[in-house]
Amino acid sequence: MQPLTFKQVNQADRWQVYQRLQELDIACECSINQPLKVDIHSPTAAIQLQSVIKQFTADRPALVEWLERCWHSEI
């Protein structure tokens, strides 16, 4: 499988994203002056990746709105 590459994650946040993905057992690679590369092998990993990336790329109002929707959604 070809890894996904994330250029929108800025260099300062990339290491934190990498560490969080490692904690979630998501295969990823973070090299100096290179974009973050991630291998996704399940729908759950894709959702976790989306959540982690959103935490570092979305602005505060978007994150607050997202959290509000989660609180008010029914399972």
PDB file of N, CA and C in Angstrom:
ATOM      1  N   MET A   1       0.842  -1.189   0.000  1.00  0.00           N
ATOM      2  CA  MET A   1       0.000   0.000   0.000  1.00  0.00           C
ATOM      3  C   MET A   1       0.875   1.237   0.000  1.00  0.00           C
ATOM      4  N   GLN A   2       0.520   2.197  -0.803  1.00  0.00           N
ATOM      5  CA  GLN A   2       1.233   3.476  -0.877  1.00  0.00           C
ATOM      6  C   GLN A   2       0.888   4.316   0.351  1.00  0.00           C
ATOM      7  N   PRO A   3       1.867   4.833   1.091  1.00  0.00           N
ATOM      8  CA  PRO A   3       1.553   5.642   2.267  1.00  0.00           C
ATOM      9  C   PRO A   3       0.938   6.979   1.878  1.00  0.00           C
ATOM     10  N   LEU A   4       0.059   7.482   2.738  1.00  0.00           N
ATOM     11  CA  LEU A   4      -0.491   8.819   2.564  1.00  0.00           C
ATOM     12  C   LEU A   4       0.565   9.823   3.004  1.00  0.00           C
ATOM     13  N   THR A   5       0.638  10.952   2.315  1.00  0.00           N
ATOM     14  CA  THR A   5       1.605  11.985   2.651  1.00  0.00           C
ATOM     15  C   THR A   5       0.850  13.246   3.054  1.00  0.00           C
ATOM     16  N   PHE A   6       1.217  13.828   4.175  1.00  0.00           N
ATOM     17  CA  PHE A   6       0.534  15.017   4.677  1.00  0.00           C
ATOM     18  C   PHE A   6       1.464  16.208   4.679  1.00  0.00           C
ATOM     19  N   LYS A   7       1.264  17.086   3.713  1.00  0.00           N
ATOM     20  CA  LYS A   7       2.066  18.300   3.629  1.00  0.00           C
ATOM     21  C   LYS A   7       1.431  19.441   4.405  1.00  0.00           C
ATOM     22  N   GLN A   8       0.101  19.338   4.697  1.00  0.00           N
ATOM     23  CA  GLN A   8      -0.571  20.427   5.388  1.00  0.00           C
ATOM     24  C   GLN A   8      -0.224  20.504   6.869  1.00  0.00           C
ATOM     25  N   VAL A   9       0.390  19.471   7.417  1.00  0.00           N
ATOM     26  CA  VAL A   9       0.828  19.510   8.814  1.00  0.00           C
ATOM     27  C   VAL A   9       2.147  20.265   8.849  1.00  0.00           C
ATOM     28  N   ASN A  10       2.163  21.394   9.565  1.00  0.00           N
ATOM     29  CA  ASN A  10       3.385  22.199   9.563  1.00  0.00           C
ATOM     30  C   ASN A  10       4.510  21.488  10.308  1.00  0.00           C
ATOM     31  N   GLN A  11       5.700  21.917  10.023  1.00  0.00           N
ATOM     32  CA  GLN A  11       6.896  21.256  10.548  1.00  0.00           C
ATOM     33  C   GLN A  11       6.926  21.239  12.071  1.00  0.00           C
ATOM     34  N   ALA A  12       6.435  22.293  12.696  1.00  0.00           N
ATOM     35  CA  ALA A  12       6.465  22.372  14.156  1.00  0.00           C
ATOM     36  C   ALA A  12       5.539  21.342  14.800  1.00  0.00           C
ATOM     37  N   ASP A  13       4.413  21.023  14.153  1.00  0.00           N
ATOM     38  CA  ASP A  13       3.437  20.091  14.707  1.00  0.00           C
ATOM     39  C   ASP A  13       3.663  18.650  14.270  1.00  0.00           C
ATOM     40  N   ARG A  14       4.438  18.459  13.236  1.00  0.00           N
ATOM     41  CA  ARG A  14       4.592  17.136  12.635  1.00  0.00           C
ATOM     42  C   ARG A  14       5.081  16.088  13.641  1.00  0.00           C
ATOM     43  N   TRP A  15       6.025  16.437  14.482  1.00  0.00           N
ATOM     44  CA  TRP A  15       6.554  15.479  15.450  1.00  0.00           C
ATOM     45  C   TRP A  15       5.483  15.068  16.460  1.00  0.00           C
ATOM     46  N   GLN A  16       4.645  16.021  16.909  1.00  0.00           N
ATOM     47  CA  GLN A  16       3.561  15.697  17.833  1.00  0.00           C
ATOM     48  C   GLN A  16       2.533  14.787  17.170  1.00  0.00           C
ATOM     49  N   VAL A  17       2.205  15.044  15.905  1.00  0.00           N
ATOM     50  CA  VAL A  17       1.276  14.192  15.165  1.00  0.00           C
ATOM     51  C   VAL A  17       1.878  12.791  15.054  1.00  0.00           C
ATOM     52  N   TYR A  18       3.132  12.723  14.695  1.00  0.00           N
ATOM     53  CA  TYR A  18       3.829  11.447  14.578  1.00  0.00           C
ATOM     54  C   TYR A  18       3.764  10.663  15.897  1.00  0.00           C
ATOM     55  N   GLN A  19       4.064  11.316  17.001  1.00  0.00           N
ATOM     56  CA  GLN A  19       4.047  10.641  18.301  1.00  0.00           C
ATOM     57  C   GLN A  19       2.651  10.131  18.638  1.00  0.00           C
ATOM     58  N   ARG A  20       1.626  10.939  18.358  1.00  0.00           N
ATOM     59  CA  ARG A  20       0.256  10.507  18.661  1.00  0.00           C
ATOM     60  C   ARG A  20      -0.135   9.304  17.803  1.00  0.00           C
ATOM     61  N   LEU A  21       0.225   9.325  16.533  1.00  0.00           N
ATOM     62  CA  LEU A  21      -0.084   8.192  15.664  1.00  0.00           C
ATOM     63  C   LEU A  21       0.641   6.936  16.137  1.00  0.00           C
ATOM     64  N   GLN A  22       1.873   7.082  16.615  1.00  0.00           N
ATOM     65  CA  GLN A  22       2.611   5.953  17.169  1.00  0.00           C
ATOM     66  C   GLN A  22       1.875   5.383  18.392  1.00  0.00           C
ATOM     67  N   GLU A  23       1.355   6.266  19.252  1.00  0.00           N
ATOM     68  CA  GLU A  23       0.594   5.832  20.424  1.00  0.00           C
ATOM     69  C   GLU A  23      -0.647   5.041  20.020  1.00  0.00           C
ATOM     70  N   LEU A  24      -1.228   5.382  18.874  1.00  0.00           N
ATOM     71  CA  LEU A  24      -2.422   4.705  18.371  1.00  0.00           C
ATOM     72  C   LEU A  24      -2.078   3.462  17.547  1.00  0.00           C
ATOM     73  N   ASP A  25      -0.799   3.118  17.476  1.00  0.00           N
ATOM     74  CA  ASP A  25      -0.308   1.972  16.687  1.00  0.00           C
ATOM     75  C   ASP A  25      -0.633   2.102  15.203  1.00  0.00           C
ATOM     76  N   ILE A  26      -0.513   3.321  14.688  1.00  0.00           N
ATOM     77  CA  ILE A  26      -0.700   3.583  13.263  1.00  0.00           C
ATOM     78  C   ILE A  26       0.684   3.748  12.655  1.00  0.00           C
ATOM     79  N   ALA A  27       0.981   2.927  11.638  1.00  0.00           N
ATOM     80  CA  ALA A  27       2.302   2.968  10.999  1.00  0.00           C
ATOM     81  C   ALA A  27       2.519   4.313  10.322  1.00  0.00           C
ATOM     82  N   CYS A  28       3.617   4.982  10.672  1.00  0.00           N
ATOM     83  CA  CYS A  28       3.922   6.277  10.073  1.00  0.00           C
ATOM     84  C   CYS A  28       5.428   6.510  10.085  1.00  0.00           C
ATOM     85  N   GLU A  29       5.836   7.497   9.300  1.00  0.00           N
ATOM     86  CA  GLU A  29       7.247   7.830   9.160  1.00  0.00           C
ATOM     87  C   GLU A  29       7.385   9.353   9.184  1.00  0.00           C
ATOM     88  N   CYS A  30       8.357   9.829   9.942  1.00  0.00           N
ATOM     89  CA  CYS A  30       8.582  11.266  10.058  1.00  0.00           C
ATOM     90  C   CYS A  30      10.081  11.523   9.902  1.00  0.00           C
ATOM     91  N   SER A  31      10.483  12.043   8.756  1.00  0.00           N
ATOM     92  CA  SER A  31      11.884  12.337   8.487  1.00  0.00           C
ATOM     93  C   SER A  31      12.098  13.843   8.458  1.00  0.00           C
ATOM     94  N   ILE A  32      13.305  14.268   8.738  1.00  0.00           N
ATOM     95  CA  ILE A  32      13.643  15.691   8.732  1.00  0.00           C
ATOM     96  C   ILE A  32      13.403  16.279   7.346  1.00  0.00           C
ATOM     97  N   ASN A  33      12.716  17.429   7.316  1.00  0.00           N
ATOM     98  CA  ASN A  33      12.417  18.174   6.085  1.00  0.00           C
ATOM     99  C   ASN A  33      11.649  17.355   5.053  1.00  0.00           C
ATOM    100  N   GLN A  34      10.855  16.389   5.513  1.00  0.00           N
ATOM    101  CA  GLN A  34      10.007  15.580   4.637  1.00  0.00           C
ATOM    102  C   GLN A  34       8.593  15.594   5.202  1.00  0.00           C
ATOM    103  N   PRO A  35       7.585  15.408   4.339  1.00  0.00           N
ATOM    104  CA  PRO A  35       6.218  15.334   4.865  1.00  0.00           C
ATOM    105  C   PRO A  35       6.012  14.059   5.683  1.00  0.00           C
ATOM    106  N   LEU A  36       5.054  14.097   6.574  1.00  0.00           N
ATOM    107  CA  LEU A  36       4.674  12.943   7.366  1.00  0.00           C
ATOM    108  C   LEU A  36       4.040  11.903   6.446  1.00  0.00           C
ATOM    109  N   LYS A  37       4.457  10.644   6.557  1.00  0.00           N
ATOM    110  CA  LYS A  37       3.899   9.556   5.750  1.00  0.00           C
ATOM    111  C   LYS A  37       3.195   8.580   6.677  1.00  0.00           C
ATOM    112  N   VAL A  38       1.979   8.160   6.276  1.00  0.00           N
ATOM    113  CA  VAL A  38       1.152   7.304   7.121  1.00  0.00           C
ATOM    114  C   VAL A  38       0.583   6.162   6.301  1.00  0.00           C
ATOM    115  N   ASP A  39       0.631   4.937   6.844  1.00  0.00           N
ATOM    116  CA  ASP A  39      -0.006   3.756   6.243  1.00  0.00           C
ATOM    117  C   ASP A  39      -1.297   3.471   7.009  1.00  0.00           C
ATOM    118  N   ILE A  40      -2.402   3.428   6.281  1.00  0.00           N
ATOM    119  CA  ILE A  40      -3.706   3.157   6.886  1.00  0.00           C
ATOM    120  C   ILE A  40      -4.185   1.798   6.399  1.00  0.00           C
ATOM    121  N   HIS A  41      -4.557   0.930   7.364  1.00  0.00           N
ATOM    122  CA  HIS A  41      -4.970  -0.422   7.008  1.00  0.00           C
ATOM    123  C   HIS A  41      -6.361  -0.785   7.512  1.00  0.00           C
ATOM    124  N   SER A  42      -7.085   0.181   8.097  1.00  0.00           N
ATOM    125  CA  SER A  42      -8.438  -0.112   8.575  1.00  0.00           C
ATOM    126  C   SER A  42      -9.260   1.174   8.616  1.00  0.00           C
ATOM    127  N   PRO A  43     -10.581   1.039   8.588  1.00  0.00           N
ATOM    128  CA  PRO A  43     -11.439   2.230   8.719  1.00  0.00           C
ATOM    129  C   PRO A  43     -11.220   2.950  10.057  1.00  0.00           C
ATOM    130  N   THR A  44     -10.995   2.192  11.123  1.00  0.00           N
ATOM    131  CA  THR A  44     -10.757   2.809  12.432  1.00  0.00           C
ATOM    132  C   THR A  44      -9.497   3.660  12.409  1.00  0.00           C
ATOM    133  N   ALA A  45      -8.444   3.151  11.796  1.00  0.00           N
ATOM    134  CA  ALA A  45      -7.196   3.919  11.691  1.00  0.00           C
ATOM    135  C   ALA A  45      -7.404   5.180  10.866  1.00  0.00           C
ATOM    136  N   ALA A  46      -8.229   5.097   9.824  1.00  0.00           N
ATOM    137  CA  ALA A  46      -8.510   6.272   8.992  1.00  0.00           C
ATOM    138  C   ALA A  46      -9.233   7.350   9.797  1.00  0.00           C
ATOM    139  N   ILE A  47     -10.188   6.932  10.619  1.00  0.00           N
ATOM    140  CA  ILE A  47     -10.917   7.899  11.456  1.00  0.00           C
ATOM    141  C   ILE A  47      -9.994   8.493  12.513  1.00  0.00           C
ATOM    142  N   GLN A  48      -9.144   7.662  13.114  1.00  0.00           N
ATOM    143  CA  GLN A  48      -8.189   8.170  14.101  1.00  0.00           C
ATOM    144  C   GLN A  48      -7.223   9.161  13.462  1.00  0.00           C
ATOM    145  N   LEU A  49      -6.747   8.844  12.269  1.00  0.00           N
ATOM    146  CA  LEU A  49      -5.853   9.747  11.553  1.00  0.00           C
ATOM    147  C   LEU A  49      -6.537  11.075  11.280  1.00  0.00           C
ATOM    148  N   GLN A  50      -7.776  11.020  10.790  1.00  0.00           N
ATOM    149  CA  GLN A  50      -8.525  12.246  10.514  1.00  0.00           C
ATOM    150  C   GLN A  50      -8.642  13.104  11.768  1.00  0.00           C
ATOM    151  N   SER A  51      -8.932  12.471  12.892  1.00  0.00           N
ATOM    152  CA  SER A  51      -9.077  13.189  14.148  1.00  0.00           C
ATOM    153  C   SER A  51      -7.771  13.853  14.579  1.00  0.00           C
ATOM    154  N   VAL A  52      -6.671  13.119  14.498  1.00  0.00           N
ATOM    155  CA  VAL A  52      -5.367  13.665  14.901  1.00  0.00           C
ATOM    156  C   VAL A  52      -4.966  14.827  13.990  1.00  0.00           C
ATOM    157  N   ILE A  53      -5.114  14.645  12.684  1.00  0.00           N
ATOM    158  CA  ILE A  53      -4.746  15.710  11.739  1.00  0.00           C
ATOM    159  C   ILE A  53      -5.610  16.949  11.976  1.00  0.00           C
ATOM    160  N   LYS A  54      -6.898  16.728  12.206  1.00  0.00           N
ATOM    161  CA  LYS A  54      -7.809  17.856  12.430  1.00  0.00           C
ATOM    162  C   LYS A  54      -7.392  18.665  13.655  1.00  0.00           C
ATOM    163  N   GLN A  55      -6.929  17.996  14.702  1.00  0.00           N
ATOM    164  CA  GLN A  55      -6.515  18.697  15.918  1.00  0.00           C
ATOM    165  C   GLN A  55      -5.393  19.698  15.650  1.00  0.00           C
ATOM    166  N   PHE A  56      -4.569  19.409  14.657  1.00  0.00           N
ATOM    167  CA  PHE A  56      -3.409  20.266  14.387  1.00  0.00           C
ATOM    168  C   PHE A  56      -3.593  21.206  13.202  1.00  0.00           C
ATOM    169  N   THR A  57      -4.635  20.994  12.391  1.00  0.00           N
ATOM    170  CA  THR A  57      -4.793  21.829  11.199  1.00  0.00           C
ATOM    171  C   THR A  57      -6.024  22.727  11.235  1.00  0.00           C
ATOM    172  N   ALA A  58      -7.010  22.381  12.045  1.00  0.00           N
ATOM    173  CA  ALA A  58      -8.235  23.181  12.103  1.00  0.00           C
ATOM    174  C   ALA A  58      -8.043  24.367  13.052  1.00  0.00           C
ATOM    175  N   ASP A  59      -8.780  25.427  12.785  1.00  0.00           N
ATOM    176  CA  ASP A  59      -8.726  26.562  13.704  1.00  0.00           C
ATOM    177  C   ASP A  59      -9.648  26.291  14.902  1.00  0.00           C
ATOM    178  N   ARG A  60      -9.472  27.060  15.939  1.00  0.00           N
ATOM    179  CA  ARG A  60     -10.207  26.831  17.189  1.00  0.00           C
ATOM    180  C   ARG A  60     -11.725  26.824  17.003  1.00  0.00           C
ATOM    181  N   PRO A  61     -12.329  27.785  16.297  1.00  0.00           N
ATOM    182  CA  PRO A  61     -13.788  27.736  16.130  1.00  0.00           C
ATOM    183  C   PRO A  61     -14.272  26.450  15.454  1.00  0.00           C
ATOM    184  N   ALA A  62     -13.524  25.939  14.493  1.00  0.00           N
ATOM    185  CA  ALA A  62     -13.903  24.689  13.822  1.00  0.00           C
ATOM    186  C   ALA A  62     -13.825  23.518  14.795  1.00  0.00           C
ATOM    187  N   LEU A  63     -12.808  23.503  15.650  1.00  0.00           N
ATOM    188  CA  LEU A  63     -12.683  22.426  16.633  1.00  0.00           C
ATOM    189  C   LEU A  63     -13.805  22.480  17.668  1.00  0.00           C
ATOM    190  N   VAL A  64     -14.173  23.679  18.095  1.00  0.00           N
ATOM    191  CA  VAL A  64     -15.269  23.834  19.055  1.00  0.00           C
ATOM    192  C   VAL A  64     -16.575  23.349  18.427  1.00  0.00           C
ATOM    193  N   GLU A  65     -16.833  23.735  17.175  1.00  0.00           N
ATOM    194  CA  GLU A  65     -18.048  23.296  16.484  1.00  0.00           C
ATOM    195  C   GLU A  65     -18.086  21.771  16.352  1.00  0.00           C
ATOM    196  N   TRP A  66     -16.963  21.178  15.983  1.00  0.00           N
ATOM    197  CA  TRP A  66     -16.862  19.722  15.841  1.00  0.00           C
ATOM    198  C   TRP A  66     -17.162  19.039  17.167  1.00  0.00           C
ATOM    199  N   LEU A  67     -16.588  19.537  18.257  1.00  0.00           N
ATOM    200  CA  LEU A  67     -16.817  18.963  19.572  1.00  0.00           C
ATOM    201  C   LEU A  67     -18.282  19.098  19.986  1.00  0.00           C
ATOM    202  N   GLU A  68     -18.874  20.249  19.720  1.00  0.00           N
ATOM    203  CA  GLU A  68     -20.292  20.458  20.033  1.00  0.00           C
ATOM    204  C   GLU A  68     -21.176  19.459  19.292  1.00  0.00           C
ATOM    205  N   ARG A  69     -20.867  19.226  18.001  1.00  0.00           N
ATOM    206  CA  ARG A  69     -21.645  18.250  17.223  1.00  0.00           C
ATOM    207  C   ARG A  69     -21.506  16.859  17.824  1.00  0.00           C
ATOM    208  N   CYS A  70     -20.300  16.508  18.271  1.00  0.00           N
ATOM    209  CA  CYS A  70     -20.083  15.187  18.876  1.00  0.00           C
ATOM    210  C   CYS A  70     -20.890  15.039  20.156  1.00  0.00           C
ATOM    211  N   TRP A  71     -20.912  16.086  20.969  1.00  0.00           N
ATOM    212  CA  TRP A  71     -21.648  16.025  22.232  1.00  0.00           C
ATOM    213  C   TRP A  71     -23.148  15.859  22.004  1.00  0.00           C
ATOM    214  N   HIS A  72     -23.658  16.464  20.936  1.00  0.00           N
ATOM    215  CA  HIS A  72     -25.102  16.458  20.697  1.00  0.00           C
ATOM    216  C   HIS A  72     -25.556  15.342  19.775  1.00  0.00           C
ATOM    217  N   SER A  73     -24.643  14.579  19.234  1.00  0.00           N
ATOM    218  CA  SER A  73     -25.037  13.496  18.330  1.00  0.00           C
ATOM    219  C   SER A  73     -25.492  12.281  19.121  1.00  0.00           C
ATOM    220  N   GLU A  74     -26.404  11.538  18.522  1.00  0.00           N
ATOM    221  CA  GLU A  74     -26.886  10.310  19.143  1.00  0.00           C
ATOM    222  C   GLU A  74     -26.261   9.123  18.439  1.00  0.00           C
ATOM    223  N   ILE A  75     -25.934   8.124  19.203  1.00  0.00           N
ATOM    224  CA  ILE A  75     -25.323   6.919  18.625  1.00  0.00           C
ATOM    225  C   ILE A  75     -26.412   5.963  18.216  1.00  0.00           C
TER     226      ILE A  75
END
